[in-house]
């Protein structure tokens, strides 16, 4: 539902940082092992872009930006839970929800984006 022109993978905050080393820094978290075990909303909702290489790599790159944005906003909006339930358990629930439900997905987007950008560049060169 968000305008895709807002999501440029070459601009902040989506641009790949030098410290990410083209996504290799995330190998220390073994993302390759567990990323496919997490749910993919595109498999459940037919109007979303499918997250497979049948889609154009440039479209997938942009979708990684959209997904990162959505999960960042979900973290921000979930802070409201802490005002509803003012207990240690609410903080613990909030932390688990955001680590498993949002941060893990943001890490996957940051891991995949440089690889998809390289693939999109190769496809562009091939089509010229």
C-alpha atoms as a PDB file:
ATOM      1  CA  UNK A   1       0.000   0.000   0.000  1.00  0.00           C
ATOM      2  CA  UNK A   2       3.011   2.313   0.412  1.00  0.00           C
ATOM      3  CA  UNK A   3       4.360   4.132  -2.660  1.00  0.00           C
ATOM      4  CA  UNK A   4       7.390   2.218  -3.876  1.00  0.00           C
ATOM      5  CA  UNK A   5       9.182   5.437  -4.874  1.00  0.00           C
ATOM      6  CA  UNK A   6       9.789   6.007  -1.158  1.00  0.00           C
ATOM      7  CA  UNK A   7      12.046   2.942  -1.034  1.00  0.00           C
ATOM      8  CA  UNK A   8      15.364   3.494  -2.768  1.00  0.00           C
ATOM      9  CA  UNK A   9      17.909   0.800  -1.836  1.00  0.00           C
ATOM     10  CA  UNK A  10      20.752   3.230  -2.630  1.00  0.00           C
ATOM     11  CA  UNK A  11      19.565   5.877  -0.143  1.00  0.00           C
ATOM     12  CA  UNK A  12      19.525   5.934   3.643  1.00  0.00           C
ATOM     13  CA  UNK A  13      18.323   4.120   5.641  1.00  0.00           C
ATOM     14  CA  UNK A  14      18.224   1.196   3.199  1.00  0.00           C
ATOM     15  CA  UNK A  15      21.651   1.678   1.619  1.00  0.00           C
ATOM     16  CA  UNK A  16      24.171  -1.053   2.410  1.00  0.00           C
ATOM     17  CA  UNK A  17      26.733   0.190   4.908  1.00  0.00           C
ATOM     18  CA  UNK A  18      30.470  -0.441   4.618  1.00  0.00           C
ATOM     19  CA  UNK A  19      30.523  -2.266   7.959  1.00  0.00           C
ATOM     20  CA  UNK A  20      27.991  -4.784   6.584  1.00  0.00           C
ATOM     21  CA  UNK A  21      30.638  -5.957   4.078  1.00  0.00           C
ATOM     22  CA  UNK A  22      28.088  -6.725   1.387  1.00  0.00           C
ATOM     23  CA  UNK A  23      25.951  -8.706   3.831  1.00  0.00           C
ATOM     24  CA  UNK A  24      28.818 -10.961   4.919  1.00  0.00           C
ATOM     25  CA  UNK A  25      28.773  -9.588   8.473  1.00  0.00           C
ATOM     26  CA  UNK A  26      25.426 -11.339   8.938  1.00  0.00           C
ATOM     27  CA  UNK A  27      27.034 -14.721   8.226  1.00  0.00           C
ATOM     28  CA  UNK A  28      28.211 -14.656  11.853  1.00  0.00           C
ATOM     29  CA  UNK A  29      24.542 -14.901  12.857  1.00  0.00           C
ATOM     30  CA  UNK A  30      24.132 -17.945  10.570  1.00  0.00           C
ATOM     31  CA  UNK A  31      21.152 -16.311   8.870  1.00  0.00           C
ATOM     32  CA  UNK A  32      21.443 -18.636   5.896  1.00  0.00           C
ATOM     33  CA  UNK A  33      20.558 -21.559   8.183  1.00  0.00           C
ATOM     34  CA  UNK A  34      17.413 -20.138   9.787  1.00  0.00           C
ATOM     35  CA  UNK A  35      16.033 -17.469   7.435  1.00  0.00           C
ATOM     36  CA  UNK A  36      13.862 -19.897   5.457  1.00  0.00           C
ATOM     37  CA  UNK A  37      12.290 -21.291   8.630  1.00  0.00           C
ATOM     38  CA  UNK A  38      10.525 -18.023   9.440  1.00  0.00           C
ATOM     39  CA  UNK A  39       7.072 -17.302   8.007  1.00  0.00           C
ATOM     40  CA  UNK A  40       6.818 -15.398   4.725  1.00  0.00           C
ATOM     41  CA  UNK A  41       3.694 -13.252   4.431  1.00  0.00           C
ATOM     42  CA  UNK A  42       3.919 -13.303   0.629  1.00  0.00           C
ATOM     43  CA  UNK A  43       2.997 -16.988   0.754  1.00  0.00           C
ATOM     44  CA  UNK A  44      -0.128 -16.199   2.761  1.00  0.00           C
ATOM     45  CA  UNK A  45      -1.277 -13.027   1.007  1.00  0.00           C
ATOM     46  CA  UNK A  46      -1.655 -13.312  -2.774  1.00  0.00           C
ATOM     47  CA  UNK A  47      -1.443  -9.546  -3.427  1.00  0.00           C
ATOM     48  CA  UNK A  48       2.133  -9.332  -2.084  1.00  0.00           C
ATOM     49  CA  UNK A  49       5.254  -9.745  -4.223  1.00  0.00           C
ATOM     50  CA  UNK A  50       6.434 -13.357  -4.091  1.00  0.00           C
ATOM     51  CA  UNK A  51       9.834 -13.687  -2.448  1.00  0.00           C
ATOM     52  CA  UNK A  52      11.401 -16.017  -4.977  1.00  0.00           C
ATOM     53  CA  UNK A  53      13.724 -15.539  -7.919  1.00  0.00           C
ATOM     54  CA  UNK A  54      10.769 -15.797 -10.298  1.00  0.00           C
ATOM     55  CA  UNK A  55      10.249 -12.111  -9.522  1.00  0.00           C
ATOM     56  CA  UNK A  56      12.572  -9.515 -11.011  1.00  0.00           C
ATOM     57  CA  UNK A  57      15.616  -8.977  -8.741  1.00  0.00           C
ATOM     58  CA  UNK A  58      15.109  -5.180  -8.829  1.00  0.00           C
ATOM     59  CA  UNK A  59      11.561  -5.650  -7.511  1.00  0.00           C
ATOM     60  CA  UNK A  60      12.828  -7.960  -4.772  1.00  0.00           C
ATOM     61  CA  UNK A  61      15.457  -5.415  -3.743  1.00  0.00           C
ATOM     62  CA  UNK A  62      12.775  -2.783  -3.327  1.00  0.00           C
ATOM     63  CA  UNK A  63      10.601  -5.225  -1.384  1.00  0.00           C
ATOM     64  CA  UNK A  64      13.458  -5.784   1.087  1.00  0.00           C
ATOM     65  CA  UNK A  65      13.347  -2.035   1.767  1.00  0.00           C
ATOM     66  CA  UNK A  66       9.571  -2.130   2.250  1.00  0.00           C
ATOM     67  CA  UNK A  67       9.812  -5.108   4.618  1.00  0.00           C
ATOM     68  CA  UNK A  68      12.573  -3.448   6.629  1.00  0.00           C
ATOM     69  CA  UNK A  69      10.492  -0.274   6.958  1.00  0.00           C
ATOM     70  CA  UNK A  70       7.383  -2.185   8.039  1.00  0.00           C
ATOM     71  CA  UNK A  71       9.250  -4.172  10.691  1.00  0.00           C
ATOM     72  CA  UNK A  72      10.965  -1.037  12.033  1.00  0.00           C
ATOM     73  CA  UNK A  73       7.581   0.650  12.392  1.00  0.00           C
ATOM     74  CA  UNK A  74       6.150  -2.428  14.085  1.00  0.00           C
ATOM     75  CA  UNK A  75       8.892  -2.120  16.706  1.00  0.00           C
ATOM     76  CA  UNK A  76       8.097   1.549  17.257  1.00  0.00           C
ATOM     77  CA  UNK A  77       4.341   0.980  17.422  1.00  0.00           C
ATOM     78  CA  UNK A  78       4.692  -1.980  19.778  1.00  0.00           C
ATOM     79  CA  UNK A  79       6.097   0.346  22.442  1.00  0.00           C
ATOM     80  CA  UNK A  80       2.452   1.134  23.166  1.00  0.00           C
ATOM     81  CA  UNK A  81       2.163  -2.318  24.749  1.00  0.00           C
ATOM     82  CA  UNK A  82       4.480  -1.162  27.505  1.00  0.00           C
ATOM     83  CA  UNK A  83       2.028   1.565  28.486  1.00  0.00           C
ATOM     84  CA  UNK A  84      -0.896  -0.865  28.584  1.00  0.00           C
ATOM     85  CA  UNK A  85       0.806  -3.431  30.795  1.00  0.00           C
ATOM     86  CA  UNK A  86       3.255  -1.921  33.236  1.00  0.00           C
ATOM     87  CA  UNK A  87       5.029  -5.001  34.485  1.00  0.00           C
ATOM     88  CA  UNK A  88       8.310  -6.823  34.046  1.00  0.00           C
ATOM     89  CA  UNK A  89       6.424  -9.458  32.052  1.00  0.00           C
ATOM     90  CA  UNK A  90       5.266  -6.870  29.523  1.00  0.00           C
ATOM     91  CA  UNK A  91       8.861  -5.764  28.960  1.00  0.00           C
ATOM     92  CA  UNK A  92       9.907  -9.385  28.532  1.00  0.00           C
ATOM     93  CA  UNK A  93       7.039 -10.074  26.128  1.00  0.00           C
ATOM     94  CA  UNK A  94       7.890  -6.899  24.180  1.00  0.00           C
ATOM     95  CA  UNK A  95      11.554  -7.902  23.953  1.00  0.00           C
ATOM     96  CA  UNK A  96      10.785 -11.441  22.749  1.00  0.00           C
ATOM     97  CA  UNK A  97       8.157 -10.211  20.283  1.00  0.00           C
ATOM     98  CA  UNK A  98      10.534  -7.688  18.751  1.00  0.00           C
ATOM     99  CA  UNK A  99      13.591  -9.950  18.657  1.00  0.00           C
ATOM    100  CA  UNK A 100      11.745 -12.868  17.105  1.00  0.00           C
ATOM    101  CA  UNK A 101       9.011 -11.036  15.254  1.00  0.00           C
ATOM    102  CA  UNK A 102      10.783  -7.988  13.900  1.00  0.00           C
ATOM    103  CA  UNK A 103      14.541  -7.758  14.397  1.00  0.00           C
ATOM    104  CA  UNK A 104      15.094 -11.189  12.873  1.00  0.00           C
ATOM    105  CA  UNK A 105      13.185 -10.112   9.741  1.00  0.00           C
ATOM    106  CA  UNK A 106      15.115  -6.829   9.522  1.00  0.00           C
ATOM    107  CA  UNK A 107      18.380  -8.781   9.685  1.00  0.00           C
ATOM    108  CA  UNK A 108      17.185 -11.055   6.878  1.00  0.00           C
ATOM    109  CA  UNK A 109      16.390  -8.016   4.686  1.00  0.00           C
ATOM    110  CA  UNK A 110      19.808  -6.492   5.406  1.00  0.00           C
ATOM    111  CA  UNK A 111      21.436  -9.855   4.597  1.00  0.00           C
ATOM    112  CA  UNK A 112      19.554 -10.394   1.331  1.00  0.00           C
ATOM    113  CA  UNK A 113      19.648  -6.850  -0.091  1.00  0.00           C
ATOM    114  CA  UNK A 114      23.333  -6.703  -1.190  1.00  0.00           C
ATOM    115  CA  UNK A 115      23.062 -10.122  -2.833  1.00  0.00           C
ATOM    116  CA  UNK A 116      19.889  -9.133  -4.665  1.00  0.00           C
ATOM    117  CA  UNK A 117      21.447  -5.815  -5.726  1.00  0.00           C
ATOM    118  CA  UNK A 118      24.355  -7.698  -7.318  1.00  0.00           C
ATOM    119  CA  UNK A 119      21.902 -10.019  -9.069  1.00  0.00           C
ATOM    120  CA  UNK A 120      19.836  -7.063 -10.312  1.00  0.00           C
ATOM    121  CA  UNK A 121      22.993  -5.367 -11.660  1.00  0.00           C
ATOM    122  CA  UNK A 122      23.993  -8.548 -13.506  1.00  0.00           C
ATOM    123  CA  UNK A 123      20.514  -8.812 -15.005  1.00  0.00           C
ATOM    124  CA  UNK A 124      20.605  -5.155 -16.107  1.00  0.00           C
ATOM    125  CA  UNK A 125      24.019  -5.647 -17.793  1.00  0.00           C
ATOM    126  CA  UNK A 126      22.757  -8.814 -19.462  1.00  0.00           C
ATOM    127  CA  UNK A 127      19.730  -7.005 -20.890  1.00  0.00           C
ATOM    128  CA  UNK A 128      21.810  -4.138 -22.339  1.00  0.00           C
END
